[in-house]
Each structure stands twice: as C-alpha cells, then as structure tokens.
Protein backbone atom coordinates (compact mmCIF):
# COMPACT_ATOMS: atom_id res chain seq x y z
CA UNK A 1 16.75 70.88 -13.56
CA UNK A 2 19.91 72.95 -13.87
CA UNK A 3 17.98 76.07 -12.85
CA UNK A 4 17.18 74.40 -9.50
CA UNK A 5 20.70 73.29 -8.63
CA UNK A 6 23.35 75.36 -6.93
CA UNK A 7 26.64 75.74 -8.81
CA UNK A 8 28.22 73.27 -6.40
CA UNK A 9 25.54 70.66 -7.06
CA UNK A 10 25.61 71.23 -10.81
CA UNK A 11 29.40 70.88 -10.98
CA UNK A 12 29.27 67.70 -8.90
CA UNK A 13 26.60 66.04 -11.05
CA UNK A 14 28.48 67.16 -14.14
CA UNK A 15 31.75 65.74 -12.79
CA UNK A 16 30.25 62.33 -12.04
CA UNK A 17 28.41 62.22 -15.37
CA UNK A 18 31.54 63.13 -17.30
CA UNK A 19 33.68 60.59 -15.46
CA UNK A 20 31.36 57.72 -16.20
CA UNK A 21 30.98 58.76 -19.81
CA UNK A 22 34.72 58.82 -20.52
CA UNK A 23 35.39 62.56 -20.30
CA UNK A 24 38.02 62.35 -17.59
CA UNK A 25 39.47 65.80 -18.27
CA UNK A 26 36.02 67.38 -18.04
CA UNK A 27 35.27 65.41 -14.89
CA UNK A 28 38.43 66.62 -13.20
CA UNK A 29 37.60 70.21 -14.14
CA UNK A 30 34.06 69.93 -12.77
CA UNK A 31 35.17 68.29 -9.51
CA UNK A 32 37.88 70.90 -9.02
CA UNK A 33 35.19 73.56 -9.47
CA UNK A 34 33.17 71.92 -6.69
CA UNK A 35 36.17 71.99 -4.37
CA UNK A 36 36.85 75.63 -5.21
CA UNK A 37 33.34 76.41 -3.98
CA UNK A 38 33.29 73.89 -1.13
CA UNK A 39 36.61 72.39 0.00
CA UNK A 40 34.71 70.15 2.44
CA UNK A 41 32.76 68.33 -0.29
CA UNK A 42 33.86 64.78 0.56
CA UNK A 43 32.37 62.99 -2.44
CA UNK A 44 34.05 65.32 -4.91
CA UNK A 45 37.43 65.00 -3.22
CA UNK A 46 37.13 61.20 -3.01
CA UNK A 47 36.12 60.92 -6.67
CA UNK A 48 38.91 63.27 -7.74
CA UNK A 49 41.49 61.32 -5.74
CA UNK A 50 40.33 58.01 -7.24
CA UNK A 51 40.39 59.52 -10.74
CA UNK A 52 43.95 60.75 -10.30
CA UNK A 53 44.94 57.35 -8.93
CA UNK A 54 43.45 55.58 -11.96
CA UNK A 55 45.38 57.97 -14.24
CA UNK A 56 48.57 57.14 -12.29
CA UNK A 57 48.83 60.76 -11.21
CA UNK A 58 49.82 59.53 -7.79
CA UNK A 59 51.09 62.74 -6.23
CA UNK A 60 47.79 64.49 -6.95
CA UNK A 61 45.84 61.47 -5.71
CA UNK A 62 47.86 61.37 -2.48
CA UNK A 63 47.24 65.06 -1.84
CA UNK A 64 43.47 64.61 -2.01
CA UNK A 65 43.45 61.35 -0.04
CA UNK A 66 45.60 63.01 2.64
CA UNK A 67 43.17 65.92 2.76
CA UNK A 68 40.36 63.46 3.43
CA UNK A 69 42.45 61.67 6.04
CA UNK A 70 43.33 64.96 7.72
CA UNK A 71 39.65 65.86 7.93
CA UNK A 72 38.96 62.56 9.70
CA UNK A 73 36.84 61.14 6.90
CA UNK A 74 36.23 57.48 7.85
CA UNK A 75 35.74 56.12 4.32
CA UNK A 76 37.51 52.81 3.85
CA UNK A 77 37.97 53.59 0.16
CA UNK A 78 39.97 56.68 1.07
CA UNK A 79 42.37 54.74 3.27
CA UNK A 80 42.72 51.91 0.79
CA UNK A 81 43.24 54.33 -2.09
CA UNK A 82 45.86 56.26 -0.14
CA UNK A 83 47.68 53.07 0.83
CA UNK A 84 47.69 51.86 -2.78
CA UNK A 85 48.85 55.27 -3.97
CA UNK A 86 51.78 55.26 -1.55
CA UNK A 87 52.61 51.73 -2.65
CA UNK A 88 52.66 52.87 -6.29
CA UNK A 89 55.00 55.69 -5.29
CA UNK A 90 57.31 53.21 -3.58
CA UNK A 91 56.57 54.70 -0.16
CA UNK A 92 55.87 51.40 1.55
CA UNK A 93 56.25 52.61 5.14
CA UNK A 94 53.59 55.26 4.52
CA UNK A 95 51.33 52.66 2.88
CA UNK A 96 51.64 50.42 5.95
CA UNK A 97 50.99 53.33 8.32
CA UNK A 98 47.77 54.16 6.47
CA UNK A 99 46.53 50.57 6.71
CA UNK A 100 47.42 50.39 10.39
CA UNK A 101 45.58 53.65 11.07
CA UNK A 102 42.55 52.32 9.18
CA UNK A 103 42.58 49.13 11.27
CA UNK A 104 42.86 51.09 14.52
CA UNK A 105 39.84 53.19 13.54
CA UNK A 106 37.88 50.31 11.97
CA UNK A 107 38.91 47.02 13.59
CA UNK A 108 35.84 45.19 12.26
CA UNK A 109 36.33 46.16 8.62
CA UNK A 110 37.80 43.19 6.75
CA UNK A 111 39.17 45.37 3.92
CA UNK A 112 42.08 46.34 6.15
CA UNK A 113 43.28 42.78 6.58
C-alpha cells in the first residue's frame, strides 16, 4: 500500500495511526511533515491542533486553530478547540469572540450555545 500513496498521504495515515496508538511524538512529527508538503491540509492541521491542546501546549494549538480560522474552515471543532484553548490561556475575551464568530457563521449549530 505504501508504494501507492503519495508522501503527503503516507505521512497523514502514519500520523493518525501513531496518535491513536499512543505515539504522540511520532504523530506530531508525521502531521508536521504533511503540513510541510501541503499547508492547506485541513485534517492534519485540525488533528495537530487538537493534539497540542490535549498536551496543554496551548500556544501551539492556538496557532494551528487560528490558521484554520484564517482560512475560513467552517469546522465546529476548530472553533470550539480555539475557544477552549484561549480559555486555558486565560484569554477570555478572545475565547468569547471565537464563540460569537462561530455562532454568526453557524446559527443553527447547538454546540455554540
């Protein structure tokens, strides 16, 4: 199978596999490799942001969530993750702004309420 995947695809699959099998360091490395090849790879950036958030590496998480936000990615998980990250950093005004933006863009999504 690996001979039929592009490097980007192989790194992504590797990153997800490693994350769910407890190799967080390896997962981060693989996902960063994806983003080096394709900065627009939304799934890799989302997974990397969530991983950093879980590790309480909030500044790194915020940077990736903000990149998704800046690209107009409409994923509710991105907005919620960013809001929670800002809350963990004590930046409550930013956390509220993120939720309000999410609600403006997605008024029918109950996760924002």
